[in-house]
Amino acid sequence: MQAKAEIDAGVCGFHTDVNASSEDGMFVTFEIMSDCDKIRGLGEAMKATPPINAYEEISPVGDSVVMATVRECLRGCCAGCAVPVGIFKSMQVAAGLALPKDICIRIVKGDVE
């Protein structure tokens, strides 16, 4: 199965496309294209990583290869970058562990009701 995430990261203005694919519903590979140099480096690191076991990634007891790679590659980057969650969600969909549904984070400045 294949999944694509189109991510507009926010005020930085960078756009990222994540293509995740899995032939067996367990192991996922990624192709990541971005306007951001740091995210392009992350994409290269993800491509160099063996296919990711999506079941191990969602386990509450194990360490996440995706998030460890993100932490390593995005040092000095905005800690609130929206791209890592898009990578993780596209992995879940490609492995059949989640349905393809848009996610949305709306940021509102001022009074909150």
N, C-alpha and C. Protein backbone atom coordinates (compact mmCIF):
# COMPACT_ATOMS: atom_id res chain seq x y z
N MET A 1 0.84 -1.16 0.00
CA MET A 1 0.00 0.00 0.00
C MET A 1 0.89 1.23 0.00
N GLN A 2 0.38 2.31 -0.55
CA GLN A 2 1.11 3.56 -0.57
C GLN A 2 0.30 4.64 0.11
N ALA A 3 1.02 5.58 0.70
CA ALA A 3 0.38 6.74 1.32
C ALA A 3 1.24 7.95 1.03
N LYS A 4 0.57 9.10 0.90
CA LYS A 4 1.28 10.35 0.65
C LYS A 4 0.80 11.38 1.65
N ALA A 5 1.76 12.12 2.21
CA ALA A 5 1.44 13.25 3.08
C ALA A 5 2.00 14.50 2.42
N GLU A 6 1.16 15.51 2.30
CA GLU A 6 1.58 16.82 1.79
C GLU A 6 1.55 17.76 2.99
N ILE A 7 2.72 18.26 3.38
CA ILE A 7 2.84 19.00 4.64
C ILE A 7 3.31 20.43 4.38
N ASP A 8 2.50 21.40 4.79
CA ASP A 8 2.91 22.79 4.83
C ASP A 8 3.24 23.07 6.28
N ALA A 9 4.52 23.26 6.58
CA ALA A 9 5.00 23.26 7.96
C ALA A 9 4.63 24.50 8.76
N GLY A 10 4.19 25.54 8.13
CA GLY A 10 3.78 26.73 8.90
C GLY A 10 4.53 27.96 8.48
N VAL A 11 4.88 28.77 9.47
CA VAL A 11 5.46 30.08 9.22
C VAL A 11 6.81 30.01 8.50
N CYS A 12 7.51 28.90 8.59
CA CYS A 12 8.78 28.76 7.86
C CYS A 12 8.56 28.78 6.35
N GLY A 13 7.35 28.39 5.92
CA GLY A 13 7.00 28.41 4.51
C GLY A 13 7.45 27.20 3.72
N PHE A 14 8.06 26.23 4.39
CA PHE A 14 8.56 25.06 3.68
C PHE A 14 7.44 24.04 3.44
N HIS A 15 7.52 23.40 2.29
CA HIS A 15 6.56 22.36 1.90
C HIS A 15 7.31 21.04 1.79
N THR A 16 6.68 19.99 2.29
CA THR A 16 7.29 18.65 2.24
C THR A 16 6.27 17.65 1.73
N ASP A 17 6.71 16.76 0.86
CA ASP A 17 5.90 15.62 0.41
C ASP A 17 6.55 14.35 0.93
N VAL A 18 5.75 13.51 1.55
CA VAL A 18 6.22 12.23 2.07
C VAL A 18 5.48 11.13 1.33
N ASN A 19 6.22 10.24 0.69
CA ASN A 19 5.63 9.05 0.08
C ASN A 19 6.10 7.85 0.91
N ALA A 20 5.14 7.14 1.47
CA ALA A 20 5.44 5.94 2.24
C ALA A 20 4.84 4.75 1.51
N SER A 21 5.59 3.66 1.46
CA SER A 21 5.04 2.48 0.78
C SER A 21 5.44 1.21 1.52
N SER A 22 4.51 0.24 1.45
CA SER A 22 4.74 -1.05 2.07
C SER A 22 4.19 -2.13 1.16
N GLU A 23 5.02 -3.09 0.85
CA GLU A 23 4.59 -4.21 0.00
C GLU A 23 3.93 -5.31 0.81
N ASP A 24 4.25 -5.40 2.10
CA ASP A 24 3.75 -6.51 2.92
C ASP A 24 2.86 -6.08 4.09
N GLY A 25 2.56 -4.79 4.20
CA GLY A 25 1.72 -4.32 5.29
C GLY A 25 2.44 -4.26 6.64
N MET A 26 3.77 -4.37 6.60
CA MET A 26 4.54 -4.31 7.85
C MET A 26 5.75 -3.40 7.71
N PHE A 27 6.57 -3.64 6.70
CA PHE A 27 7.79 -2.87 6.52
C PHE A 27 7.56 -1.73 5.54
N VAL A 28 7.97 -0.53 5.93
CA VAL A 28 7.65 0.69 5.18
C VAL A 28 8.94 1.39 4.76
N THR A 29 8.95 1.86 3.52
CA THR A 29 10.04 2.69 3.02
C THR A 29 9.49 4.08 2.72
N PHE A 30 10.39 5.06 2.67
CA PHE A 30 9.98 6.45 2.52
C PHE A 30 10.74 7.13 1.39
N GLU A 31 10.06 8.06 0.75
CA GLU A 31 10.68 9.02 -0.14
C GLU A 31 10.18 10.38 0.33
N ILE A 32 11.11 11.26 0.70
CA ILE A 32 10.76 12.55 1.28
C ILE A 32 11.38 13.65 0.44
N MET A 33 10.55 14.56 -0.06
CA MET A 33 11.00 15.70 -0.85
C MET A 33 10.57 16.97 -0.09
N SER A 34 11.48 17.95 0.00
CA SER A 34 11.17 19.15 0.77
C SER A 34 11.94 20.35 0.27
N ASP A 35 11.39 21.53 0.54
CA ASP A 35 12.09 22.79 0.30
C ASP A 35 13.13 23.04 1.39
N CYS A 36 13.01 22.37 2.53
CA CYS A 36 13.86 22.58 3.69
C CYS A 36 15.11 21.69 3.62
N ASP A 37 16.28 22.31 3.78
CA ASP A 37 17.53 21.54 3.76
C ASP A 37 17.57 20.46 4.83
N LYS A 38 17.13 20.79 6.04
CA LYS A 38 17.17 19.81 7.14
C LYS A 38 16.25 18.63 6.85
N ILE A 39 15.08 18.90 6.32
CA ILE A 39 14.14 17.82 6.01
C ILE A 39 14.66 16.99 4.83
N ARG A 40 15.32 17.62 3.87
CA ARG A 40 15.94 16.83 2.78
C ARG A 40 16.99 15.89 3.36
N GLY A 41 17.77 16.36 4.33
CA GLY A 41 18.75 15.49 4.99
C GLY A 41 18.07 14.34 5.72
N LEU A 42 16.95 14.64 6.37
CA LEU A 42 16.16 13.60 7.03
C LEU A 42 15.68 12.58 6.00
N GLY A 43 15.24 13.06 4.85
CA GLY A 43 14.79 12.16 3.79
C GLY A 43 15.89 11.23 3.33
N GLU A 44 17.10 11.76 3.19
CA GLU A 44 18.24 10.92 2.80
C GLU A 44 18.54 9.88 3.88
N ALA A 45 18.47 10.29 5.15
CA ALA A 45 18.71 9.35 6.25
C ALA A 45 17.64 8.26 6.29
N MET A 46 16.39 8.63 6.04
CA MET A 46 15.31 7.63 6.04
C MET A 46 15.47 6.67 4.87
N LYS A 47 15.93 7.18 3.75
CA LYS A 47 16.14 6.33 2.57
C LYS A 47 17.28 5.32 2.82
N ALA A 48 18.28 5.74 3.59
CA ALA A 48 19.43 4.88 3.89
C ALA A 48 19.12 3.86 4.98
N THR A 49 18.01 4.04 5.69
CA THR A 49 17.61 3.13 6.76
C THR A 49 16.91 1.91 6.16
N PRO A 50 17.13 0.73 6.69
CA PRO A 50 16.35 -0.43 6.20
C PRO A 50 14.85 -0.15 6.38
N PRO A 51 14.01 -0.86 5.62
CA PRO A 51 12.57 -0.64 5.79
C PRO A 51 12.17 -0.69 7.27
N ILE A 52 11.28 0.23 7.63
CA ILE A 52 10.86 0.40 9.02
C ILE A 52 9.71 -0.56 9.34
N ASN A 53 9.83 -1.29 10.44
CA ASN A 53 8.76 -2.17 10.90
C ASN A 53 7.71 -1.31 11.59
N ALA A 54 6.59 -1.10 10.91
CA ALA A 54 5.55 -0.20 11.42
C ALA A 54 4.95 -0.70 12.73
N TYR A 55 4.88 -2.01 12.92
CA TYR A 55 4.32 -2.56 14.16
C TYR A 55 5.22 -2.23 15.34
N GLU A 56 6.54 -2.32 15.14
CA GLU A 56 7.46 -1.96 16.22
C GLU A 56 7.41 -0.46 16.49
N GLU A 57 7.19 0.34 15.45
CA GLU A 57 7.13 1.79 15.61
C GLU A 57 5.97 2.24 16.49
N ILE A 58 4.84 1.55 16.40
CA ILE A 58 3.68 1.98 17.19
C ILE A 58 3.63 1.32 18.56
N SER A 59 4.56 0.43 18.85
CA SER A 59 4.59 -0.25 20.15
C SER A 59 4.92 0.75 21.26
N PRO A 60 4.16 0.71 22.36
CA PRO A 60 4.44 1.63 23.47
C PRO A 60 5.68 1.24 24.28
N VAL A 61 6.23 0.06 24.05
CA VAL A 61 7.38 -0.39 24.84
C VAL A 61 8.71 -0.27 24.08
N GLY A 62 8.68 -0.07 22.80
CA GLY A 62 9.92 -0.01 22.02
C GLY A 62 10.31 1.41 21.68
N ASP A 63 11.51 1.55 21.15
CA ASP A 63 11.99 2.85 20.67
C ASP A 63 11.63 3.00 19.20
N SER A 64 11.30 4.20 18.80
CA SER A 64 10.91 4.48 17.43
C SER A 64 12.13 4.82 16.58
N VAL A 65 12.34 4.05 15.52
CA VAL A 65 13.41 4.34 14.58
C VAL A 65 13.14 5.66 13.88
N VAL A 66 11.89 5.89 13.50
CA VAL A 66 11.53 7.14 12.83
C VAL A 66 11.87 8.32 13.72
N MET A 67 11.41 8.30 14.97
CA MET A 67 11.64 9.45 15.85
C MET A 67 13.11 9.61 16.23
N ALA A 68 13.85 8.51 16.36
CA ALA A 68 15.29 8.61 16.64
C ALA A 68 16.01 9.25 15.45
N THR A 69 15.61 8.90 14.23
CA THR A 69 16.21 9.48 13.04
C THR A 69 15.85 10.96 12.94
N VAL A 70 14.61 11.29 13.26
CA VAL A 70 14.18 12.70 13.28
C VAL A 70 15.02 13.49 14.27
N ARG A 71 15.19 12.97 15.49
CA ARG A 71 15.96 13.69 16.52
C ARG A 71 17.40 13.92 16.06
N GLU A 72 17.97 12.92 15.43
CA GLU A 72 19.36 13.03 14.97
C GLU A 72 19.49 14.05 13.84
N CYS A 73 18.59 14.01 12.88
CA CYS A 73 18.71 14.84 11.69
C CYS A 73 18.22 16.27 11.86
N LEU A 74 17.30 16.49 12.79
CA LEU A 74 16.70 17.82 12.91
C LEU A 74 17.24 18.61 14.10
N ARG A 75 18.43 18.28 14.54
CA ARG A 75 19.06 19.09 15.60
C ARG A 75 19.22 20.51 15.10
N GLY A 76 18.86 21.47 15.94
CA GLY A 76 18.94 22.86 15.54
C GLY A 76 17.76 23.32 14.72
N CYS A 77 16.82 22.43 14.53
CA CYS A 77 15.61 22.74 13.78
C CYS A 77 14.50 23.09 14.77
N CYS A 78 13.43 23.62 14.30
CA CYS A 78 12.29 23.94 15.16
C CYS A 78 11.76 22.68 15.83
N ALA A 79 11.72 22.68 17.16
CA ALA A 79 11.24 21.50 17.90
C ALA A 79 9.77 21.22 17.62
N GLY A 80 9.04 22.21 17.15
CA GLY A 80 7.63 22.02 16.85
C GLY A 80 7.35 21.72 15.38
N CYS A 81 8.35 21.28 14.64
CA CYS A 81 8.18 20.98 13.21
C CYS A 81 7.06 19.95 13.02
N ALA A 82 6.17 20.23 12.08
CA ALA A 82 5.03 19.35 11.81
C ALA A 82 5.38 18.16 10.93
N VAL A 83 6.54 18.17 10.30
CA VAL A 83 6.90 17.11 9.35
C VAL A 83 7.00 15.73 10.01
N PRO A 84 7.66 15.59 11.18
CA PRO A 84 7.77 14.25 11.75
C PRO A 84 6.42 13.55 11.97
N VAL A 85 5.41 14.27 12.41
CA VAL A 85 4.11 13.62 12.61
C VAL A 85 3.52 13.19 11.27
N GLY A 86 3.76 13.96 10.21
CA GLY A 86 3.29 13.57 8.88
C GLY A 86 3.98 12.31 8.38
N ILE A 87 5.28 12.18 8.67
CA ILE A 87 6.02 10.98 8.30
C ILE A 87 5.44 9.77 9.03
N PHE A 88 5.22 9.93 10.34
CA PHE A 88 4.72 8.83 11.16
C PHE A 88 3.32 8.41 10.72
N LYS A 89 2.44 9.39 10.47
CA LYS A 89 1.07 9.06 10.06
C LYS A 89 1.05 8.40 8.69
N SER A 90 1.90 8.84 7.76
CA SER A 90 1.92 8.20 6.44
C SER A 90 2.42 6.76 6.54
N MET A 91 3.35 6.51 7.48
CA MET A 91 3.83 5.14 7.72
C MET A 91 2.67 4.26 8.18
N GLN A 92 1.86 4.77 9.11
CA GLN A 92 0.73 4.00 9.62
C GLN A 92 -0.25 3.64 8.50
N VAL A 93 -0.54 4.59 7.64
CA VAL A 93 -1.48 4.33 6.54
C VAL A 93 -0.89 3.33 5.54
N ALA A 94 0.39 3.50 5.20
CA ALA A 94 1.02 2.59 4.24
C ALA A 94 1.03 1.15 4.74
N ALA A 95 1.13 0.97 6.06
CA ALA A 95 1.15 -0.37 6.65
C ALA A 95 -0.26 -0.88 6.97
N GLY A 96 -1.28 -0.09 6.68
CA GLY A 96 -2.64 -0.52 6.96
C GLY A 96 -3.02 -0.42 8.43
N LEU A 97 -2.26 0.37 9.20
CA LEU A 97 -2.53 0.50 10.63
C LEU A 97 -3.40 1.71 10.96
N ALA A 98 -3.69 2.52 9.96
CA ALA A 98 -4.57 3.68 10.14
C ALA A 98 -5.26 3.95 8.81
N LEU A 99 -6.40 4.57 8.89
CA LEU A 99 -7.12 4.96 7.68
C LEU A 99 -6.57 6.30 7.18
N PRO A 100 -6.61 6.53 5.87
CA PRO A 100 -6.11 7.79 5.33
C PRO A 100 -7.09 8.93 5.61
N LYS A 101 -6.82 9.67 6.65
CA LYS A 101 -7.67 10.80 7.04
C LYS A 101 -6.76 11.99 7.33
N ASP A 102 -7.12 13.15 6.81
CA ASP A 102 -6.33 14.35 7.07
C ASP A 102 -6.29 14.64 8.56
N ILE A 103 -5.16 15.17 8.99
CA ILE A 103 -5.05 15.69 10.34
C ILE A 103 -4.89 17.20 10.22
N CYS A 104 -5.27 17.92 11.24
CA CYS A 104 -5.21 19.37 11.17
C CYS A 104 -4.83 19.93 12.54
N ILE A 105 -3.92 20.88 12.54
CA ILE A 105 -3.58 21.61 13.74
C ILE A 105 -3.84 23.07 13.43
N ARG A 106 -4.77 23.65 14.13
CA ARG A 106 -5.09 25.06 13.90
C ARG A 106 -4.51 25.86 15.07
N ILE A 107 -3.74 26.88 14.76
CA ILE A 107 -3.13 27.73 15.77
C ILE A 107 -3.86 29.06 15.77
N VAL A 108 -4.38 29.45 16.92
CA VAL A 108 -5.12 30.70 17.06
C VAL A 108 -4.44 31.55 18.13
N LYS A 109 -4.16 32.79 17.79
CA LYS A 109 -3.55 33.71 18.74
C LYS A 109 -4.65 34.55 19.37
N GLY A 110 -4.57 34.75 20.68
CA GLY A 110 -5.54 35.59 21.35
C GLY A 110 -6.43 34.79 22.28
N ASP A 111 -7.59 35.34 22.55
CA ASP A 111 -8.54 34.71 23.47
C ASP A 111 -9.01 33.38 22.92
N VAL A 112 -9.06 32.39 23.79
CA VAL A 112 -9.49 31.06 23.41
C VAL A 112 -10.82 30.80 24.09
N GLU A 113 -11.77 30.34 23.32
CA GLU A 113 -13.11 30.04 23.89
C GLU A 113 -13.35 28.57 23.92
